[in-house]
């Protein structure tokens, strides 16, 4: 994975393996980065497609394949997602809560599961901040400037 893609933007983040991370119960920004790639994304999708189609529910199959298809955008940069928790005034959402959402309802839960299943090693990184919406916006803009306006692979605009 490439090193020159804005990794210094996240120097003050705390990192842990995504499968055992313990982010704090606080507002902040989080990222997902690739520590070690596994099976190539195109092969992951090729392997999963027949299983998804066997569901026999076309609408669900399209949804899953759309979500998992996002992994095809993973390139040389190890940062594949930037998000935040607690962005609305009075919000009780936290980094720990968003981490739990990766298991139950996060927009990238299926791509993350697919990557993990096929041997990818991922880290969850976080930084607490009382104004996570502004920090997230700033980090995404700075990241995209370095990537020539390309957002992280699993971020959909």
N, C-alpha and C. Protein backbone atom coordinates (compact mmCIF):
# COMPACT_ATOMS: atom_id res chain seq x y z
N UNK A 1 0.85 -1.17 0.00
CA UNK A 1 0.00 0.00 0.00
C UNK A 1 0.89 1.23 0.00
N UNK A 2 0.46 2.24 -0.71
CA UNK A 2 1.22 3.48 -0.81
C UNK A 2 1.31 4.22 0.50
N UNK A 3 2.37 4.91 0.68
CA UNK A 3 2.58 5.65 1.93
C UNK A 3 2.32 7.14 1.76
N UNK A 4 2.45 7.65 0.54
CA UNK A 4 2.36 9.09 0.33
C UNK A 4 0.94 9.50 -0.09
N UNK A 5 0.01 9.37 0.81
CA UNK A 5 -1.37 9.72 0.46
C UNK A 5 -2.10 10.37 1.62
N UNK A 6 -1.39 11.13 2.39
CA UNK A 6 -2.03 11.86 3.46
C UNK A 6 -2.04 11.17 4.79
N UNK A 7 -1.22 10.15 4.96
CA UNK A 7 -1.20 9.45 6.24
C UNK A 7 -0.82 10.37 7.39
N UNK A 8 -0.03 11.39 7.10
CA UNK A 8 0.37 12.32 8.16
C UNK A 8 -0.81 13.11 8.71
N UNK A 9 -1.94 13.14 8.00
CA UNK A 9 -3.13 13.82 8.49
C UNK A 9 -3.69 13.12 9.74
N UNK A 10 -3.29 11.88 9.93
CA UNK A 10 -3.85 11.06 11.01
C UNK A 10 -2.80 10.66 12.05
N UNK A 11 -1.72 11.41 12.11
CA UNK A 11 -0.61 11.07 13.01
C UNK A 11 -1.04 11.04 14.47
N UNK A 12 -2.04 11.84 14.84
CA UNK A 12 -2.44 11.91 16.25
C UNK A 12 -3.68 11.07 16.57
N UNK A 13 -4.01 10.15 15.69
CA UNK A 13 -5.11 9.22 15.93
C UNK A 13 -4.58 8.01 16.71
N UNK A 14 -5.46 7.41 17.48
CA UNK A 14 -5.14 6.16 18.15
C UNK A 14 -5.65 5.04 17.25
N UNK A 15 -4.86 3.96 17.10
CA UNK A 15 -5.23 2.85 16.21
C UNK A 15 -5.26 1.54 16.95
N UNK A 16 -6.16 0.66 16.48
CA UNK A 16 -6.23 -0.70 17.00
C UNK A 16 -6.83 -1.59 15.90
N UNK A 17 -6.59 -2.87 15.99
CA UNK A 17 -7.16 -3.83 15.05
C UNK A 17 -8.68 -3.66 15.07
N UNK A 18 -9.29 -3.60 13.91
CA UNK A 18 -10.73 -3.32 13.83
C UNK A 18 -11.57 -4.40 14.53
N UNK A 19 -11.05 -5.61 14.61
CA UNK A 19 -11.84 -6.68 15.21
C UNK A 19 -11.82 -6.67 16.73
N UNK A 20 -10.95 -5.86 17.32
CA UNK A 20 -10.89 -5.83 18.78
C UNK A 20 -10.72 -4.42 19.34
N UNK A 21 -11.00 -3.42 18.53
CA UNK A 21 -10.82 -2.02 18.94
C UNK A 21 -11.77 -1.66 20.08
N UNK A 22 -11.34 -0.70 20.86
CA UNK A 22 -12.16 -0.19 21.96
C UNK A 22 -12.14 1.34 21.94
N UNK A 23 -12.81 1.92 20.93
CA UNK A 23 -12.84 3.38 20.87
C UNK A 23 -13.61 3.96 22.06
N UNK A 24 -13.32 5.19 22.42
CA UNK A 24 -13.96 5.78 23.60
C UNK A 24 -15.42 6.15 23.36
N UNK A 25 -16.11 6.32 24.45
CA UNK A 25 -17.51 6.75 24.42
C UNK A 25 -17.52 8.28 24.39
N UNK A 26 -17.04 8.84 23.27
CA UNK A 26 -16.89 10.29 23.11
C UNK A 26 -17.11 10.66 21.66
N UNK A 27 -17.37 11.92 21.40
CA UNK A 27 -17.49 12.44 20.03
C UNK A 27 -16.11 12.43 19.38
N UNK A 28 -16.10 12.32 18.06
CA UNK A 28 -14.82 12.38 17.37
C UNK A 28 -14.91 11.92 15.93
N UNK A 29 -13.73 11.72 15.36
CA UNK A 29 -13.58 11.29 13.97
C UNK A 29 -12.89 9.94 13.99
N UNK A 30 -13.28 9.07 13.06
CA UNK A 30 -12.66 7.77 12.96
C UNK A 30 -12.30 7.46 11.52
N UNK A 31 -11.32 6.61 11.35
CA UNK A 31 -10.92 6.18 10.01
C UNK A 31 -10.72 4.68 10.02
N UNK A 32 -10.75 4.12 8.84
CA UNK A 32 -10.39 2.72 8.67
C UNK A 32 -9.24 2.70 7.68
N UNK A 33 -8.20 1.99 8.07
CA UNK A 33 -7.04 1.87 7.19
C UNK A 33 -6.68 0.41 7.03
N UNK A 34 -6.08 0.13 5.89
CA UNK A 34 -5.62 -1.22 5.59
C UNK A 34 -4.23 -1.39 6.20
N UNK A 35 -4.10 -2.40 7.04
CA UNK A 35 -2.79 -2.76 7.58
C UNK A 35 -2.11 -3.75 6.64
N UNK A 36 -2.92 -4.70 6.12
CA UNK A 36 -2.37 -5.71 5.22
C UNK A 36 -3.50 -6.16 4.28
N UNK A 37 -3.30 -6.01 2.96
CA UNK A 37 -4.34 -6.46 2.03
C UNK A 37 -4.39 -7.98 1.95
N UNK A 38 -5.55 -8.46 1.57
CA UNK A 38 -5.76 -9.89 1.37
C UNK A 38 -6.08 -10.15 -0.09
N UNK A 39 -7.09 -10.98 -0.33
CA UNK A 39 -7.50 -11.31 -1.69
C UNK A 39 -7.87 -10.04 -2.45
N UNK A 40 -7.51 -9.94 -3.72
CA UNK A 40 -7.87 -8.75 -4.51
C UNK A 40 -9.38 -8.52 -4.53
N UNK A 41 -9.80 -7.25 -4.47
CA UNK A 41 -11.23 -6.94 -4.44
C UNK A 41 -12.06 -7.59 -5.55
N UNK A 42 -11.54 -7.61 -6.78
CA UNK A 42 -12.31 -8.21 -7.88
C UNK A 42 -12.57 -9.70 -7.63
N UNK A 43 -11.61 -10.38 -7.02
CA UNK A 43 -11.79 -11.81 -6.70
C UNK A 43 -12.78 -11.99 -5.54
N UNK A 44 -12.75 -11.07 -4.57
CA UNK A 44 -13.71 -11.14 -3.46
C UNK A 44 -15.13 -11.06 -4.01
N UNK A 45 -15.36 -10.09 -4.88
CA UNK A 45 -16.69 -9.90 -5.45
C UNK A 45 -17.09 -11.12 -6.28
N UNK A 46 -16.18 -11.62 -7.08
CA UNK A 46 -16.46 -12.80 -7.89
C UNK A 46 -16.82 -13.99 -7.01
N UNK A 47 -16.14 -14.15 -5.88
CA UNK A 47 -16.42 -15.25 -4.96
C UNK A 47 -17.75 -15.08 -4.22
N UNK A 48 -18.10 -13.86 -3.88
CA UNK A 48 -19.32 -13.61 -3.11
C UNK A 48 -20.59 -13.57 -3.97
N UNK A 49 -20.46 -13.15 -5.20
CA UNK A 49 -21.63 -12.94 -6.06
C UNK A 49 -22.56 -14.16 -6.13
N UNK A 50 -22.05 -15.37 -6.38
CA UNK A 50 -22.98 -16.50 -6.46
C UNK A 50 -23.70 -16.78 -5.14
N UNK A 51 -23.04 -16.56 -4.03
CA UNK A 51 -23.68 -16.78 -2.73
C UNK A 51 -24.79 -15.75 -2.49
N UNK A 52 -24.52 -14.52 -2.86
CA UNK A 52 -25.52 -13.47 -2.70
C UNK A 52 -26.72 -13.73 -3.61
N UNK A 53 -26.45 -14.16 -4.84
CA UNK A 53 -27.53 -14.44 -5.78
C UNK A 53 -28.40 -15.60 -5.31
N UNK A 54 -27.83 -16.53 -4.55
CA UNK A 54 -28.59 -17.66 -4.03
C UNK A 54 -29.62 -17.25 -2.99
N UNK A 55 -29.54 -16.02 -2.51
CA UNK A 55 -30.56 -15.54 -1.58
C UNK A 55 -31.94 -15.60 -2.23
N UNK A 56 -31.97 -15.40 -3.55
CA UNK A 56 -33.24 -15.42 -4.26
C UNK A 56 -34.08 -14.18 -4.03
N UNK A 57 -33.46 -13.13 -3.54
CA UNK A 57 -34.16 -11.88 -3.28
C UNK A 57 -33.40 -10.80 -4.03
N UNK A 58 -33.88 -10.50 -5.22
CA UNK A 58 -33.15 -9.62 -6.12
C UNK A 58 -32.83 -8.27 -5.49
N UNK A 59 -33.77 -7.68 -4.78
CA UNK A 59 -33.55 -6.37 -4.17
C UNK A 59 -32.41 -6.44 -3.15
N UNK A 60 -32.40 -7.44 -2.31
CA UNK A 60 -31.33 -7.60 -1.31
C UNK A 60 -30.00 -7.87 -2.00
N UNK A 61 -30.02 -8.69 -3.02
CA UNK A 61 -28.80 -8.99 -3.76
C UNK A 61 -28.17 -7.76 -4.39
N UNK A 62 -29.01 -6.92 -5.00
CA UNK A 62 -28.51 -5.68 -5.59
C UNK A 62 -27.90 -4.77 -4.53
N UNK A 63 -28.58 -4.68 -3.39
CA UNK A 63 -28.09 -3.85 -2.30
C UNK A 63 -26.72 -4.34 -1.81
N UNK A 64 -26.62 -5.63 -1.53
CA UNK A 64 -25.36 -6.19 -1.04
C UNK A 64 -24.24 -6.03 -2.06
N UNK A 65 -24.52 -6.33 -3.31
CA UNK A 65 -23.48 -6.20 -4.33
C UNK A 65 -23.07 -4.75 -4.54
N UNK A 66 -24.02 -3.83 -4.42
CA UNK A 66 -23.68 -2.41 -4.52
C UNK A 66 -22.73 -2.01 -3.39
N UNK A 67 -23.08 -2.40 -2.18
CA UNK A 67 -22.24 -2.06 -1.02
C UNK A 67 -20.86 -2.71 -1.11
N UNK A 68 -20.84 -4.00 -1.37
CA UNK A 68 -19.57 -4.72 -1.44
C UNK A 68 -18.74 -4.26 -2.64
N UNK A 69 -19.41 -3.85 -3.70
CA UNK A 69 -18.71 -3.36 -4.90
C UNK A 69 -17.82 -2.15 -4.65
N UNK A 70 -18.08 -1.45 -3.55
CA UNK A 70 -17.25 -0.29 -3.21
C UNK A 70 -15.78 -0.65 -3.00
N UNK A 71 -15.52 -1.90 -2.64
CA UNK A 71 -14.14 -2.30 -2.39
C UNK A 71 -13.29 -2.24 -3.65
N UNK A 72 -13.93 -2.25 -4.82
CA UNK A 72 -13.17 -2.16 -6.07
C UNK A 72 -12.43 -0.83 -6.20
N UNK A 73 -12.85 0.17 -5.44
CA UNK A 73 -12.18 1.48 -5.50
C UNK A 73 -10.93 1.54 -4.61
N UNK A 74 -10.66 0.48 -3.85
CA UNK A 74 -9.47 0.49 -3.01
C UNK A 74 -8.24 0.48 -3.91
N UNK A 75 -7.38 1.44 -3.68
CA UNK A 75 -6.16 1.55 -4.48
C UNK A 75 -4.93 1.41 -3.61
N UNK A 76 -3.97 2.28 -3.86
CA UNK A 76 -2.70 2.23 -3.15
C UNK A 76 -2.73 2.88 -1.78
N UNK A 77 -3.72 3.72 -1.53
CA UNK A 77 -3.77 4.42 -0.24
C UNK A 77 -4.45 3.54 0.81
N UNK A 78 -3.82 3.36 1.97
CA UNK A 78 -4.42 2.50 2.99
C UNK A 78 -5.63 3.10 3.70
N UNK A 79 -5.88 4.39 3.56
CA UNK A 79 -7.06 5.00 4.20
C UNK A 79 -8.26 4.71 3.31
N UNK A 80 -9.23 3.92 3.83
CA UNK A 80 -10.37 3.55 3.00
C UNK A 80 -11.69 4.14 3.51
N UNK A 81 -11.68 4.78 4.68
CA UNK A 81 -12.90 5.41 5.17
C UNK A 81 -12.57 6.47 6.19
N UNK A 82 -13.32 7.57 6.13
CA UNK A 82 -13.25 8.64 7.13
C UNK A 82 -14.68 8.95 7.53
N UNK A 83 -14.95 8.93 8.83
CA UNK A 83 -16.29 9.21 9.32
C UNK A 83 -16.23 9.93 10.65
N UNK A 84 -17.41 10.26 11.19
CA UNK A 84 -17.44 10.96 12.47
C UNK A 84 -18.62 10.49 13.30
N UNK A 85 -18.56 10.84 14.58
CA UNK A 85 -19.61 10.48 15.53
C UNK A 85 -19.90 11.66 16.41
N UNK A 86 -21.19 11.96 16.57
CA UNK A 86 -21.59 13.07 17.44
C UNK A 86 -21.57 14.41 16.74
N UNK A 87 -21.97 14.44 15.47
CA UNK A 87 -21.86 15.67 14.69
C UNK A 87 -23.00 16.66 14.93
N UNK A 88 -24.14 16.18 15.35
CA UNK A 88 -25.27 17.09 15.56
C UNK A 88 -25.25 17.66 16.98
N UNK A 89 -25.65 18.93 17.14
CA UNK A 89 -25.70 19.50 18.49
C UNK A 89 -26.57 18.66 19.41
N UNK A 90 -26.08 18.34 20.56
CA UNK A 90 -26.82 17.53 21.52
C UNK A 90 -26.79 16.04 21.22
N UNK A 91 -26.06 15.65 20.19
CA UNK A 91 -26.00 14.25 19.80
C UNK A 91 -25.37 13.40 20.90
N UNK A 92 -25.92 12.21 21.06
CA UNK A 92 -25.34 11.26 22.01
C UNK A 92 -24.55 10.17 21.29
N UNK A 93 -24.40 10.30 19.97
CA UNK A 93 -23.62 9.32 19.22
C UNK A 93 -22.15 9.48 19.59
N UNK A 94 -21.47 8.35 19.68
CA UNK A 94 -20.08 8.35 20.09
C UNK A 94 -19.25 7.47 19.16
N UNK A 95 -17.95 7.56 19.32
CA UNK A 95 -17.05 6.70 18.56
C UNK A 95 -17.32 5.22 18.87
N UNK A 96 -17.55 4.92 20.13
CA UNK A 96 -17.87 3.54 20.51
C UNK A 96 -19.16 3.09 19.85
N UNK A 97 -20.14 3.97 19.77
CA UNK A 97 -21.41 3.64 19.12
C UNK A 97 -21.26 3.41 17.63
N UNK A 98 -20.47 4.23 16.96
CA UNK A 98 -20.25 4.04 15.52
C UNK A 98 -19.50 2.74 15.26
N UNK A 99 -18.59 2.40 16.16
CA UNK A 99 -17.89 1.12 16.04
C UNK A 99 -18.89 -0.03 16.13
N UNK A 100 -19.81 0.04 17.07
CA UNK A 100 -20.84 -1.00 17.19
C UNK A 100 -21.72 -1.04 15.92
N UNK A 101 -21.95 0.13 15.31
CA UNK A 101 -22.75 0.19 14.09
C UNK A 101 -22.11 -0.60 12.95
N UNK A 102 -20.79 -0.76 12.96
CA UNK A 102 -20.12 -1.53 11.91
C UNK A 102 -20.62 -2.98 11.89
N UNK A 103 -21.17 -3.44 12.98
CA UNK A 103 -21.69 -4.80 13.08
C UNK A 103 -23.15 -4.85 12.67
N UNK A 104 -23.89 -3.76 12.83
CA UNK A 104 -25.34 -3.86 12.68
C UNK A 104 -25.99 -2.99 11.62
N UNK A 105 -25.45 -1.80 11.34
CA UNK A 105 -26.21 -0.94 10.43
C UNK A 105 -25.40 0.12 9.71
N UNK A 106 -24.12 0.05 9.73
CA UNK A 106 -23.28 1.06 9.09
C UNK A 106 -23.26 0.83 7.58
N UNK A 107 -23.19 1.90 6.81
CA UNK A 107 -23.21 1.79 5.35
C UNK A 107 -22.04 0.96 4.81
N UNK A 108 -20.96 0.85 5.56
CA UNK A 108 -19.82 0.07 5.07
C UNK A 108 -19.67 -1.28 5.79
N UNK A 109 -20.67 -1.71 6.53
CA UNK A 109 -20.52 -2.97 7.27
C UNK A 109 -20.24 -4.13 6.32
N UNK A 110 -20.96 -4.25 5.21
CA UNK A 110 -20.76 -5.40 4.31
C UNK A 110 -19.40 -5.37 3.61
N UNK A 111 -18.95 -4.21 3.12
CA UNK A 111 -17.59 -4.20 2.56
C UNK A 111 -16.52 -4.57 3.59
N UNK A 112 -16.67 -4.09 4.81
CA UNK A 112 -15.69 -4.42 5.86
C UNK A 112 -15.72 -5.92 6.14
N UNK A 113 -16.90 -6.47 6.28
CA UNK A 113 -17.01 -7.91 6.54
C UNK A 113 -16.36 -8.72 5.41
N UNK A 114 -16.62 -8.31 4.16
CA UNK A 114 -16.05 -9.03 3.02
C UNK A 114 -14.51 -8.98 3.06
N UNK A 115 -13.97 -7.80 3.30
CA UNK A 115 -12.51 -7.68 3.36
C UNK A 115 -11.93 -8.56 4.46
N UNK A 116 -12.52 -8.52 5.64
CA UNK A 116 -12.02 -9.33 6.75
C UNK A 116 -12.11 -10.82 6.43
N UNK A 117 -13.21 -11.23 5.86
CA UNK A 117 -13.41 -12.65 5.54
C UNK A 117 -12.35 -13.16 4.57
N UNK A 118 -11.93 -12.30 3.66
CA UNK A 118 -10.96 -12.71 2.65
C UNK A 118 -9.53 -12.26 2.97
N UNK A 119 -9.24 -12.17 4.27
CA UNK A 119 -7.86 -12.05 4.71
C UNK A 119 -7.28 -10.67 4.87
N UNK A 120 -8.07 -9.63 4.73
CA UNK A 120 -7.55 -8.29 4.92
C UNK A 120 -7.41 -8.00 6.42
N UNK A 121 -6.36 -7.27 6.76
CA UNK A 121 -6.18 -6.82 8.14
C UNK A 121 -6.42 -5.32 8.16
N UNK A 122 -7.38 -4.90 8.97
CA UNK A 122 -7.80 -3.50 9.00
C UNK A 122 -7.63 -2.93 10.40
N UNK A 123 -7.36 -1.64 10.45
CA UNK A 123 -7.27 -0.91 11.71
C UNK A 123 -8.37 0.13 11.78
N UNK A 124 -8.88 0.33 12.97
CA UNK A 124 -9.78 1.44 13.25
C UNK A 124 -8.95 2.49 13.97
N UNK A 125 -9.00 3.71 13.47
CA UNK A 125 -8.30 4.81 14.12
C UNK A 125 -9.32 5.85 14.55
N UNK A 126 -9.03 6.55 15.64
CA UNK A 126 -9.96 7.56 16.12
C UNK A 126 -9.24 8.68 16.82
N UNK A 127 -9.94 9.80 16.83
CA UNK A 127 -9.48 10.99 17.55
C UNK A 127 -10.72 11.65 18.14
N UNK A 128 -10.70 11.89 19.43
CA UNK A 128 -11.84 12.56 20.05
C UNK A 128 -11.79 14.04 19.70
N UNK A 129 -12.97 14.64 19.58
CA UNK A 129 -13.06 16.05 19.24
C UNK A 129 -14.48 16.52 19.55
N UNK A 130 -14.60 17.69 20.11
CA UNK A 130 -15.92 18.22 20.45
C UNK A 130 -16.67 18.77 19.24
N UNK A 131 -15.98 18.98 18.13
CA UNK A 131 -16.62 19.45 16.90
C UNK A 131 -16.25 18.49 15.76
N UNK A 132 -16.72 17.24 15.83
CA UNK A 132 -16.30 16.24 14.85
C UNK A 132 -16.72 16.54 13.42
N UNK A 133 -17.84 17.22 13.24
CA UNK A 133 -18.30 17.53 11.88
C UNK A 133 -17.27 18.39 11.14
N UNK A 134 -16.76 19.41 11.81
CA UNK A 134 -15.75 20.29 11.19
C UNK A 134 -14.43 19.55 10.98
N UNK A 135 -14.01 18.75 11.95
CA UNK A 135 -12.77 18.00 11.80
C UNK A 135 -12.87 17.01 10.66
N UNK A 136 -13.99 16.31 10.57
CA UNK A 136 -14.19 15.35 9.47
C UNK A 136 -14.13 16.06 8.13
N UNK A 137 -14.83 17.18 8.01
CA UNK A 137 -14.84 17.95 6.76
C UNK A 137 -13.44 18.38 6.39
N UNK A 138 -12.69 18.90 7.36
CA UNK A 138 -11.33 19.36 7.11
C UNK A 138 -10.43 18.20 6.67
N UNK A 139 -10.51 17.08 7.37
CA UNK A 139 -9.67 15.94 7.01
C UNK A 139 -10.01 15.40 5.63
N UNK A 140 -11.29 15.31 5.30
CA UNK A 140 -11.68 14.83 3.98
C UNK A 140 -11.19 15.77 2.88
N UNK A 141 -11.33 17.07 3.10
CA UNK A 141 -10.87 18.04 2.10
C UNK A 141 -9.37 17.94 1.89
N UNK A 142 -8.62 17.86 2.98
CA UNK A 142 -7.17 17.78 2.88
C UNK A 142 -6.74 16.46 2.24
N UNK A 143 -7.40 15.38 2.61
CA UNK A 143 -7.12 14.07 2.02
C UNK A 143 -7.39 14.10 0.52
N UNK A 144 -8.57 14.61 0.15
CA UNK A 144 -8.95 14.62 -1.26
C UNK A 144 -8.06 15.53 -2.09
N UNK A 145 -7.56 16.61 -1.51
CA UNK A 145 -6.63 17.48 -2.23
C UNK A 145 -5.38 16.69 -2.59
N UNK A 146 -4.90 15.91 -1.66
CA UNK A 146 -3.70 15.10 -1.92
C UNK A 146 -3.98 13.96 -2.88
N UNK A 147 -5.20 13.51 -2.93
CA UNK A 147 -5.58 12.41 -3.81
C UNK A 147 -6.19 12.90 -5.13
N UNK A 148 -6.04 14.18 -5.40
CA UNK A 148 -6.60 14.79 -6.62
C UNK A 148 -8.12 14.65 -6.66
N UNK A 149 -8.77 14.96 -5.51
CA UNK A 149 -10.23 14.98 -5.35
C UNK A 149 -10.85 13.60 -5.33
N UNK A 150 -10.09 12.57 -5.04
CA UNK A 150 -10.64 11.22 -4.92
C UNK A 150 -10.87 10.95 -3.43
N UNK A 151 -12.12 10.68 -3.03
CA UNK A 151 -12.36 10.37 -1.60
C UNK A 151 -11.85 8.98 -1.26
N UNK A 152 -11.74 8.65 0.02
CA UNK A 152 -11.37 7.29 0.40
C UNK A 152 -12.32 6.28 -0.24
N UNK A 153 -11.82 5.09 -0.52
CA UNK A 153 -12.52 4.09 -1.32
C UNK A 153 -13.96 3.80 -0.89
N UNK A 154 -14.21 3.73 0.40
CA UNK A 154 -15.55 3.34 0.86
C UNK A 154 -16.45 4.54 1.15
N UNK A 155 -15.96 5.73 0.90
CA UNK A 155 -16.77 6.95 1.08
C UNK A 155 -17.52 7.20 -0.22
N UNK A 156 -18.82 7.36 -0.13
CA UNK A 156 -19.64 7.63 -1.30
C UNK A 156 -20.17 9.05 -1.17
N UNK A 157 -19.98 9.83 -2.21
CA UNK A 157 -20.48 11.21 -2.21
C UNK A 157 -21.82 11.27 -2.90
